[in-house]
Structures are given as C-alpha cells and as structure tokens.
Amino acid sequence: MVQPRRMFDIIQMLRASPTPLTAEAIATRLEVTKRTVYRDIAALQASRVPIEGAAGVGYVMRRGYDLPPLMFSPEEIEAIAVGLSLVARTGDSSLEAAGRSAAAKIGDVLPCDTTGIDAMPLYVSRWHEIPEPKADLATIRRAIREERKLLITYRDAENRETERTIRPLGLVYYVDGIHLAAWCEIRQDFRHFRHDRIECCRLLEDGFRDGEKLRKTWRENRKLFDC
C-alpha cells in the first residue's frame, strides 16, 4: 500500500475509533510494520493533523477534525454516478460493495442543494448475466495492486485443469464476463484467463517489480483495449 493511501486510512481509523489505537493494532489492519505506522503518524502530525498519543500508549484523533471537503462540478458528479452504475454491473461483488461505500461517502460531502448520486437521472442498461466467479476477485485485485504473484488453478474450454504461477497485470471487464490479463510463468507469455474458469487462486509472498513494464507491452500488443 502506498503512503498517501495508508495515511488516509490511518486518519479514517482514528476518526472512527472510540478508544485509542495502538501502533500494533493499526499495523495489523494495514499489514505493515509498527515502524511504518510510527513514521506515518509522525508525518501526519508534522502536517498538523491533530493526532495525540505516544508509542506504547495509543493514538487518538482530536475531536472535530475532518478531511477537507471535496468539490465537484455537476458534470463530475454525473461522471461519478455513471461510473458507479457501471461498477454495479461488473459481477465483482467486492468492487460493487466498494462502489456503494464510495457513493455514500461522496454523498456525505455534496452540497445540500445537489442531486444525490443515487438520484441522478442517468441510467445504465442491464446487459448479459455475468457468471459467478469461483475465485476471489478481491484477492486478484490486491495481487495486481501489490505486484504479487498468484498461484491459480485454471480450467480451460476443454475442461482440462492446470496449475499456474502468474504475474497478474489487470482485469478487463466485458459486458458478459471478466478476463484476468497476466504474464504466465509456464508459457513465458501474456495470457488472458476467464474469471469463471479460475477455480481458485492463492496470493503468494513472491512479488515482481516489472508490472508496469509488462502492462505497457501488453497494452501495445492489444491495441483494441482502451485501458
């Protein structure tokens, strides 16, 4: 997790907690070291975020602190509304839940005279039913974010099952399904894996550092994708 996102999460955790949170508790939830938490909290305090407390005791957020309000133009709000409606059609349940959460948070900071996200008169038509995924798409998206290898069990069109170690590069959302774009370490080439044929996946400790380079090559080879 990159530092700005991590620091935002620390602020949100402290705002939501009725009791002091220790660095150990924060580190466990964010899956980082206590030293990283201490460093992030020190940086936030230096930026005048009112975090009080000390190592070994716990940290609290002074009451009344809030993040600066977000300012959106009417067209930006409409773009967000359409985007969230599209997310709700992906068949990715954890992403859909995140979309609902985002809509609620955005709704909380919109001016009172602004039409809410859910009430926007902009509609996304229903499309094909997307097969239920067998593997956890949230785990796949995490592997893409963190550039960690995945061990997947995959069943091809002829019902043959193989186990592969892959470097996940991105998810391509179609109207009738989802494809995982990846570098296959067995084939030593790019491959697309249909989400409904991935029987299971396991996040490995092994990482890779050439994700952006591979993604660039993949995009150049697949000009039909605008992503």
C-alpha atoms as a PDB file:
ATOM      1  CA  MET A   1       0.000   0.000   0.000  1.00  0.00           C
ATOM      2  CA  VAL A   2       1.420   3.380  -0.987  1.00  0.00           C
ATOM      3  CA  GLN A   3       1.980   6.016   1.708  1.00  0.00           C
ATOM      4  CA  PRO A   4      -0.763   8.568   0.804  1.00  0.00           C
ATOM      5  CA  ARG A   5      -3.443   5.855   0.809  1.00  0.00           C
ATOM      6  CA  ARG A   6      -2.036   4.402   4.039  1.00  0.00           C
ATOM      7  CA  MET A   7      -2.048   7.790   5.771  1.00  0.00           C
ATOM      8  CA  PHE A   8      -5.630   8.393   4.670  1.00  0.00           C
ATOM      9  CA  ASP A   9      -6.600   5.001   6.134  1.00  0.00           C
ATOM     10  CA  ILE A  10      -4.862   5.846   9.429  1.00  0.00           C
ATOM     11  CA  ILE A  11      -6.865   9.085   9.666  1.00  0.00           C
ATOM     12  CA  GLN A  12     -10.115   7.239   8.955  1.00  0.00           C
ATOM     13  CA  MET A  13      -9.325   4.523  11.518  1.00  0.00           C
ATOM     14  CA  LEU A  14      -8.533   7.061  14.245  1.00  0.00           C
ATOM     15  CA  ARG A  15     -11.642   9.108  13.456  1.00  0.00           C
ATOM     16  CA  ALA A  16     -13.847   6.017  13.693  1.00  0.00           C
ATOM     17  CA  SER A  17     -12.333   4.532  16.867  1.00  0.00           C
ATOM     18  CA  PRO A  18     -13.931   5.476  20.234  1.00  0.00           C
ATOM     19  CA  THR A  19     -10.767   4.398  22.090  1.00  0.00           C
ATOM     20  CA  PRO A  20      -7.034   4.934  21.479  1.00  0.00           C
ATOM     21  CA  LEU A  21      -5.494   2.688  18.825  1.00  0.00           C
ATOM     22  CA  THR A  22      -2.008   1.296  19.315  1.00  0.00           C
ATOM     23  CA  ALA A  23       0.538   1.272  16.517  1.00  0.00           C
ATOM     24  CA  GLU A  24       0.415  -2.523  16.655  1.00  0.00           C
ATOM     25  CA  ALA A  25      -3.360  -2.555  16.045  1.00  0.00           C
ATOM     26  CA  ILE A  26      -3.023  -0.125  13.141  1.00  0.00           C
ATOM     27  CA  ALA A  27      -0.094  -2.078  11.681  1.00  0.00           C
ATOM     28  CA  THR A  28      -2.068  -5.333  11.841  1.00  0.00           C
ATOM     29  CA  ARG A  29      -5.041  -3.862   9.977  1.00  0.00           C
ATOM     30  CA  LEU A  30      -2.865  -2.230   7.317  1.00  0.00           C
ATOM     31  CA  GLU A  31      -0.486  -5.204   7.055  1.00  0.00           C
ATOM     32  CA  VAL A  32       2.623  -3.097   7.620  1.00  0.00           C
ATOM     33  CA  THR A  33       5.246  -2.857  10.361  1.00  0.00           C
ATOM     34  CA  LYS A  34       4.872  -0.782  13.530  1.00  0.00           C
ATOM     35  CA  ARG A  35       7.862   1.265  12.422  1.00  0.00           C
ATOM     36  CA  THR A  36       5.972   2.217   9.261  1.00  0.00           C
ATOM     37  CA  VAL A  37       2.975   3.297  11.362  1.00  0.00           C
ATOM     38  CA  TYR A  38       5.174   5.419  13.651  1.00  0.00           C
ATOM     39  CA  ARG A  39       6.723   7.077  10.608  1.00  0.00           C
ATOM     40  CA  ASP A  40       3.342   7.781   9.003  1.00  0.00           C
ATOM     41  CA  ILE A  41       1.869   9.201  12.212  1.00  0.00           C
ATOM     42  CA  ALA A  42       4.902  11.459  12.668  1.00  0.00           C
ATOM     43  CA  ALA A  43       4.440  12.713   9.093  1.00  0.00           C
ATOM     44  CA  LEU A  44       0.741  13.376   9.712  1.00  0.00           C
ATOM     45  CA  GLN A  45       1.497  15.242  12.946  1.00  0.00           C
ATOM     46  CA  ALA A  46       4.107  17.313  11.103  1.00  0.00           C
ATOM     47  CA  SER A  47       1.358  18.198   8.605  1.00  0.00           C
ATOM     48  CA  ARG A  48      -0.770  19.494  11.520  1.00  0.00           C
ATOM     49  CA  VAL A  49      -3.199  16.602  11.598  1.00  0.00           C
ATOM     50  CA  PRO A  50      -4.317  16.628  15.289  1.00  0.00           C
ATOM     51  CA  ILE A  51      -3.239  13.122  16.294  1.00  0.00           C
ATOM     52  CA  GLU A  52      -2.468  12.792  20.002  1.00  0.00           C
ATOM     53  CA  GLY A  53      -0.772   9.966  21.873  1.00  0.00           C
ATOM     54  CA  ALA A  54       2.516   8.156  22.097  1.00  0.00           C
ATOM     55  CA  ALA A  55       4.197   4.857  21.282  1.00  0.00           C
ATOM     56  CA  GLY A  56       3.093   2.095  23.635  1.00  0.00           C
ATOM     57  CA  VAL A  57       0.020   4.037  24.785  1.00  0.00           C
ATOM     58  CA  GLY A  58      -2.055   4.523  21.670  1.00  0.00           C
ATOM     59  CA  TYR A  59      -3.246   7.300  19.401  1.00  0.00           C
ATOM     60  CA  VAL A  60      -6.464   9.283  19.132  1.00  0.00           C
ATOM     61  CA  MET A  61      -7.760  11.917  16.759  1.00  0.00           C
ATOM     62  CA  ARG A  62      -8.748  15.190  18.378  1.00  0.00           C
ATOM     63  CA  ARG A  63     -12.497  15.726  18.071  1.00  0.00           C
ATOM     64  CA  GLY A  64     -13.782  17.938  15.319  1.00  0.00           C
ATOM     65  CA  TYR A  65     -11.096  17.131  12.774  1.00  0.00           C
ATOM     66  CA  ASP A  66     -12.296  16.307   9.295  1.00  0.00           C
ATOM     67  CA  LEU A  67     -10.742  15.975   5.883  1.00  0.00           C
ATOM     68  CA  PRO A  68     -11.066  18.968   3.556  1.00  0.00           C
ATOM     69  CA  PRO A  69     -14.378  18.825   1.633  1.00  0.00           C
ATOM     70  CA  LEU A  70     -14.369  17.544  -1.915  1.00  0.00           C
ATOM     71  CA  MET A  71     -15.560  19.951  -4.572  1.00  0.00           C
ATOM     72  CA  PHE A  72     -17.127  18.507  -7.723  1.00  0.00           C
ATOM     73  CA  SER A  73     -18.656  20.216 -10.725  1.00  0.00           C
ATOM     74  CA  PRO A  74     -22.135  18.995 -11.822  1.00  0.00           C
ATOM     75  CA  GLU A  75     -20.583  17.126 -14.762  1.00  0.00           C
ATOM     76  CA  GLU A  76     -18.002  15.481 -12.489  1.00  0.00           C
ATOM     77  CA  ILE A  77     -20.805  14.256 -10.213  1.00  0.00           C
ATOM     78  CA  GLU A  78     -22.655  12.880 -13.244  1.00  0.00           C
ATOM     79  CA  ALA A  79     -19.496  11.101 -14.419  1.00  0.00           C
ATOM     80  CA  ILE A  80     -19.091   9.526 -10.972  1.00  0.00           C
ATOM     81  CA  ALA A  81     -22.743   8.429 -10.946  1.00  0.00           C
ATOM     82  CA  VAL A  82     -22.447   6.707 -14.336  1.00  0.00           C
ATOM     83  CA  GLY A  83     -19.124   5.136 -13.367  1.00  0.00           C
ATOM     84  CA  LEU A  84     -20.554   3.702 -10.141  1.00  0.00           C
ATOM     85  CA  SER A  85     -23.564   2.351 -12.047  1.00  0.00           C
ATOM     86  CA  LEU A  86     -21.191   0.575 -14.428  1.00  0.00           C
ATOM     87  CA  VAL A  87     -19.262  -0.874 -11.473  1.00  0.00           C
ATOM     88  CA  ALA A  88     -22.530  -2.341 -10.203  1.00  0.00           C
ATOM     89  CA  ARG A  89     -22.798  -4.370 -13.443  1.00  0.00           C
ATOM     90  CA  THR A  90     -19.344  -5.975 -13.320  1.00  0.00           C
ATOM     91  CA  GLY A  91     -20.210  -9.094 -11.327  1.00  0.00           C
ATOM     92  CA  ASP A  92     -17.334  -8.261  -8.955  1.00  0.00           C
ATOM     93  CA  SER A  93     -19.201  -8.244  -5.627  1.00  0.00           C
ATOM     94  CA  SER A  94     -16.430  -6.723  -3.511  1.00  0.00           C
ATOM     95  CA  LEU A  95     -15.900  -3.963  -6.084  1.00  0.00           C
ATOM     96  CA  GLU A  96     -19.655  -3.335  -6.147  1.00  0.00           C
ATOM     97  CA  ALA A  97     -19.644  -3.012  -2.333  1.00  0.00           C
ATOM     98  CA  ALA A  98     -16.735  -0.578  -2.549  1.00  0.00           C
ATOM     99  CA  GLY A  99     -18.716   1.414  -5.119  1.00  0.00           C
ATOM    100  CA  ARG A 100     -21.711   1.673  -2.774  1.00  0.00           C
ATOM    101  CA  SER A 101     -19.421   2.776   0.046  1.00  0.00           C
ATOM    102  CA  ALA A 102     -17.799   5.389  -2.197  1.00  0.00           C
ATOM    103  CA  ALA A 103     -21.221   6.688  -3.275  1.00  0.00           C
ATOM    104  CA  ALA A 104     -22.242   7.103   0.376  1.00  0.00           C
ATOM    105  CA  LYS A 105     -19.026   8.951   1.256  1.00  0.00           C
ATOM    106  CA  ILE A 106     -19.329  11.248  -1.752  1.00  0.00           C
ATOM    107  CA  GLY A 107     -22.976  11.881  -0.917  1.00  0.00           C
ATOM    108  CA  ASP A 108     -21.979  12.983   2.584  1.00  0.00           C
ATOM    109  CA  VAL A 109     -19.795  15.812   1.268  1.00  0.00           C
ATOM    110  CA  LEU A 110     -22.020  17.069  -1.552  1.00  0.00           C
ATOM    111  CA  PRO A 111     -23.794  20.405  -1.002  1.00  0.00           C
ATOM    112  CA  CYS A 112     -27.380  20.075   0.236  1.00  0.00           C
ATOM    113  CA  ASP A 113     -28.795  21.536  -2.977  1.00  0.00           C
ATOM    114  CA  THR A 114     -27.011  18.955  -5.164  1.00  0.00           C
ATOM    115  CA  THR A 115     -28.834  15.903  -6.522  1.00  0.00           C
ATOM    116  CA  GLY A 116     -27.544  12.791  -4.761  1.00  0.00           C
ATOM    117  CA  ILE A 117     -25.504  10.151  -6.585  1.00  0.00           C
ATOM    118  CA  ASP A 118     -28.327   7.587  -6.334  1.00  0.00           C
ATOM    119  CA  ALA A 119     -30.938  10.062  -7.596  1.00  0.00           C
ATOM    120  CA  MET A 120     -29.106  11.132 -10.758  1.00  0.00           C
ATOM    121  CA  PRO A 121     -31.363  10.731 -13.852  1.00  0.00           C
ATOM    122  CA  LEU A 122     -28.587   8.858 -15.670  1.00  0.00           C
ATOM    123  CA  TYR A 123     -29.100   5.147 -16.200  1.00  0.00           C
ATOM    124  CA  VAL A 124     -27.002   2.177 -17.249  1.00  0.00           C
ATOM    125  CA  SER A 125     -28.911  -0.534 -19.086  1.00  0.00           C
ATOM    126  CA  ARG A 126     -28.808  -4.137 -17.926  1.00  0.00           C
ATOM    127  CA  TRP A 127     -26.670  -6.443 -20.008  1.00  0.00           C
ATOM    128  CA  HIS A 128     -25.749 -10.113 -20.099  1.00  0.00           C
ATOM    129  CA  GLU A 129     -25.759 -12.065 -16.871  1.00  0.00           C
ATOM    130  CA  ILE A 130     -22.143 -12.388 -15.717  1.00  0.00           C
ATOM    131  CA  PRO A 131     -21.159 -15.841 -14.385  1.00  0.00           C
ATOM    132  CA  GLU A 132     -20.477 -16.015 -10.659  1.00  0.00           C
ATOM    133  CA  PRO A 133     -16.713 -16.056 -10.015  1.00  0.00           C
ATOM    134  CA  LYS A 134     -15.235 -19.073  -8.227  1.00  0.00           C
ATOM    135  CA  ALA A 135     -12.020 -17.316  -7.246  1.00  0.00           C
ATOM    136  CA  ASP A 136     -11.995 -14.246  -5.017  1.00  0.00           C
ATOM    137  CA  LEU A 137     -11.740 -11.204  -7.291  1.00  0.00           C
ATOM    138  CA  ALA A 138     -10.744  -9.014  -4.337  1.00  0.00           C
ATOM    139  CA  THR A 139      -7.659 -11.208  -3.870  1.00  0.00           C
ATOM    140  CA  ILE A 140      -6.842 -10.875  -7.568  1.00  0.00           C
ATOM    141  CA  ARG A 141      -7.169  -7.087  -7.447  1.00  0.00           C
ATOM    142  CA  ARG A 142      -4.972  -6.987  -4.358  1.00  0.00           C
ATOM    143  CA  ALA A 143      -2.312  -9.036  -6.158  1.00  0.00           C
ATOM    144  CA  ILE A 144      -2.411  -6.562  -9.060  1.00  0.00           C
ATOM    145  CA  ARG A 145      -2.093  -3.566  -6.713  1.00  0.00           C
ATOM    146  CA  GLU A 146       0.744  -5.048  -4.670  1.00  0.00           C
ATOM    147  CA  GLU A 147       2.509  -6.712  -7.624  1.00  0.00           C
ATOM    148  CA  ARG A 148       2.447 -10.159  -6.025  1.00  0.00           C
ATOM    149  CA  LYS A 149       2.332 -13.438  -7.882  1.00  0.00           C
ATOM    150  CA  LEU A 150      -0.741 -15.651  -7.877  1.00  0.00           C
ATOM    151  CA  LEU A 151      -0.987 -19.416  -7.957  1.00  0.00           C
ATOM    152  CA  ILE A 152      -4.173 -20.263  -9.853  1.00  0.00           C
ATOM    153  CA  THR A 153      -5.991 -23.441 -10.763  1.00  0.00           C
ATOM    154  CA  TYR A 154      -7.480 -22.910 -14.225  1.00  0.00           C
ATOM    155  CA  ARG A 155      -9.950 -24.990 -16.235  1.00  0.00           C
ATOM    156  CA  ASP A 156      -9.775 -24.401 -19.993  1.00  0.00           C
ATOM    157  CA  ALA A 157     -12.511 -24.660 -22.639  1.00  0.00           C
ATOM    158  CA  GLU A 158     -11.859 -28.406 -22.990  1.00  0.00           C
ATOM    159  CA  ASN A 159     -12.243 -28.912 -19.225  1.00  0.00           C
ATOM    160  CA  ARG A 160      -8.528 -29.539 -18.667  1.00  0.00           C
ATOM    161  CA  GLU A 161      -7.270 -28.306 -15.322  1.00  0.00           C
ATOM    162  CA  THR A 162      -3.809 -26.782 -14.871  1.00  0.00           C
ATOM    163  CA  GLU A 163      -1.989 -25.027 -12.065  1.00  0.00           C
ATOM    164  CA  ARG A 164      -0.034 -21.917 -12.986  1.00  0.00           C
ATOM    165  CA  THR A 165       2.017 -19.216 -11.343  1.00  0.00           C
ATOM    166  CA  ILE A 166       1.201 -15.878 -12.919  1.00  0.00           C
ATOM    167  CA  ARG A 167       2.035 -12.190 -12.624  1.00  0.00           C
ATOM    168  CA  PRO A 168      -1.397 -10.519 -12.624  1.00  0.00           C
ATOM    169  CA  LEU A 169      -1.439  -7.295 -14.648  1.00  0.00           C
ATOM    170  CA  GLY A 170      -5.051  -6.177 -14.886  1.00  0.00           C
ATOM    171  CA  LEU A 171      -8.713  -7.079 -15.129  1.00  0.00           C
ATOM    172  CA  VAL A 172     -10.651  -6.474 -18.355  1.00  0.00           C
ATOM    173  CA  TYR A 173     -14.392  -6.067 -17.738  1.00  0.00           C
ATOM    174  CA  TYR A 174     -16.620  -7.153 -20.630  1.00  0.00           C
ATOM    175  CA  VAL A 175     -20.410  -6.973 -20.742  1.00  0.00           C
ATOM    176  CA  ASP A 176     -20.578 -10.749 -20.303  1.00  0.00           C
ATOM    177  CA  GLY A 177     -17.549 -11.561 -18.179  1.00  0.00           C
ATOM    178  CA  ILE A 178     -14.164 -10.627 -16.786  1.00  0.00           C
ATOM    179  CA  HIS A 179     -10.711 -11.567 -18.076  1.00  0.00           C
ATOM    180  CA  LEU A 180      -7.549 -11.522 -15.993  1.00  0.00           C
ATOM    181  CA  ALA A 181      -4.591 -10.315 -18.056  1.00  0.00           C
ATOM    182  CA  ALA A 182      -1.356 -11.825 -16.773  1.00  0.00           C
ATOM    183  CA  TRP A 183       2.147 -12.961 -17.555  1.00  0.00           C
ATOM    184  CA  CYS A 184       2.169 -16.756 -17.346  1.00  0.00           C
ATOM    185  CA  GLU A 185       5.434 -18.104 -15.962  1.00  0.00           C
ATOM    186  CA  ILE A 186       4.818 -21.520 -17.525  1.00  0.00           C
ATOM    187  CA  ARG A 187       4.180 -20.182 -21.059  1.00  0.00           C
ATOM    188  CA  GLN A 188       6.541 -17.216 -20.663  1.00  0.00           C
ATOM    189  CA  ASP A 189       3.983 -15.085 -22.450  1.00  0.00           C
ATOM    190  CA  PHE A 190       0.883 -12.978 -21.902  1.00  0.00           C
ATOM    191  CA  ARG A 191      -2.340 -14.858 -21.274  1.00  0.00           C
ATOM    192  CA  HIS A 192      -5.971 -13.981 -20.592  1.00  0.00           C
ATOM    193  CA  PHE A 193      -7.819 -16.081 -18.010  1.00  0.00           C
ATOM    194  CA  ARG A 194     -11.619 -16.020 -17.868  1.00  0.00           C
ATOM    195  CA  HIS A 195     -12.753 -15.301 -14.329  1.00  0.00           C
ATOM    196  CA  ASP A 196     -15.356 -18.082 -14.314  1.00  0.00           C
ATOM    197  CA  ARG A 197     -12.698 -20.676 -15.244  1.00  0.00           C
ATOM    198  CA  ILE A 198     -10.319 -19.780 -12.418  1.00  0.00           C
ATOM    199  CA  GLU A 199     -11.224 -22.497  -9.927  1.00  0.00           C
ATOM    200  CA  CYS A 200      -9.185 -20.980  -7.102  1.00  0.00           C
ATOM    201  CA  CYS A 201      -6.283 -18.628  -6.524  1.00  0.00           C
ATOM    202  CA  ARG A 202      -3.718 -18.124  -3.791  1.00  0.00           C
ATOM    203  CA  LEU A 203      -1.763 -14.962  -3.117  1.00  0.00           C
ATOM    204  CA  LEU A 204       1.948 -15.760  -2.959  1.00  0.00           C
ATOM    205  CA  GLU A 205       4.631 -13.970  -0.963  1.00  0.00           C
ATOM    206  CA  ASP A 206       6.755 -13.685  -4.108  1.00  0.00           C
ATOM    207  CA  GLY A 207       6.496 -10.267  -5.687  1.00  0.00           C
ATOM    208  CA  PHE A 208       7.532  -8.877  -9.055  1.00  0.00           C
ATOM    209  CA  ARG A 209       8.807  -5.438  -9.986  1.00  0.00           C
ATOM    210  CA  ASP A 210       8.237  -5.386 -13.735  1.00  0.00           C
ATOM    211  CA  GLY A 211       4.462  -4.996 -13.609  1.00  0.00           C
ATOM    212  CA  GLU A 212       4.294  -1.581 -15.265  1.00  0.00           C
ATOM    213  CA  LYS A 213       6.749  -2.623 -17.970  1.00  0.00           C
ATOM    214  CA  LEU A 214       4.754  -5.785 -18.691  1.00  0.00           C
ATOM    215  CA  ARG A 215       1.500  -3.820 -18.683  1.00  0.00           C
ATOM    216  CA  LYS A 216       2.897  -1.360 -21.205  1.00  0.00           C
ATOM    217  CA  THR A 217       3.953  -4.180 -23.538  1.00  0.00           C
ATOM    218  CA  TRP A 218       0.601  -5.915 -23.100  1.00  0.00           C
ATOM    219  CA  ARG A 219      -1.280  -2.718 -23.995  1.00  0.00           C
ATOM    220  CA  GLU A 220       0.897  -2.165 -27.059  1.00  0.00           C
ATOM    221  CA  ASN A 221       0.178  -5.726 -28.187  1.00  0.00           C
ATOM    222  CA  ARG A 222      -3.561  -5.365 -27.588  1.00  0.00           C
ATOM    223  CA  LYS A 223      -4.468  -2.061 -29.209  1.00  0.00           C
ATOM    224  CA  LEU A 224      -8.145  -2.987 -29.192  1.00  0.00           C
ATOM    225  CA  PHE A 225      -8.238  -2.335 -25.430  1.00  0.00           C
ATOM    226  CA  ASP A 226      -8.566   1.276 -24.393  1.00  0.00           C
ATOM    227  CA  CYS A 227      -7.263   0.810 -20.857  1.00  0.00           C
END
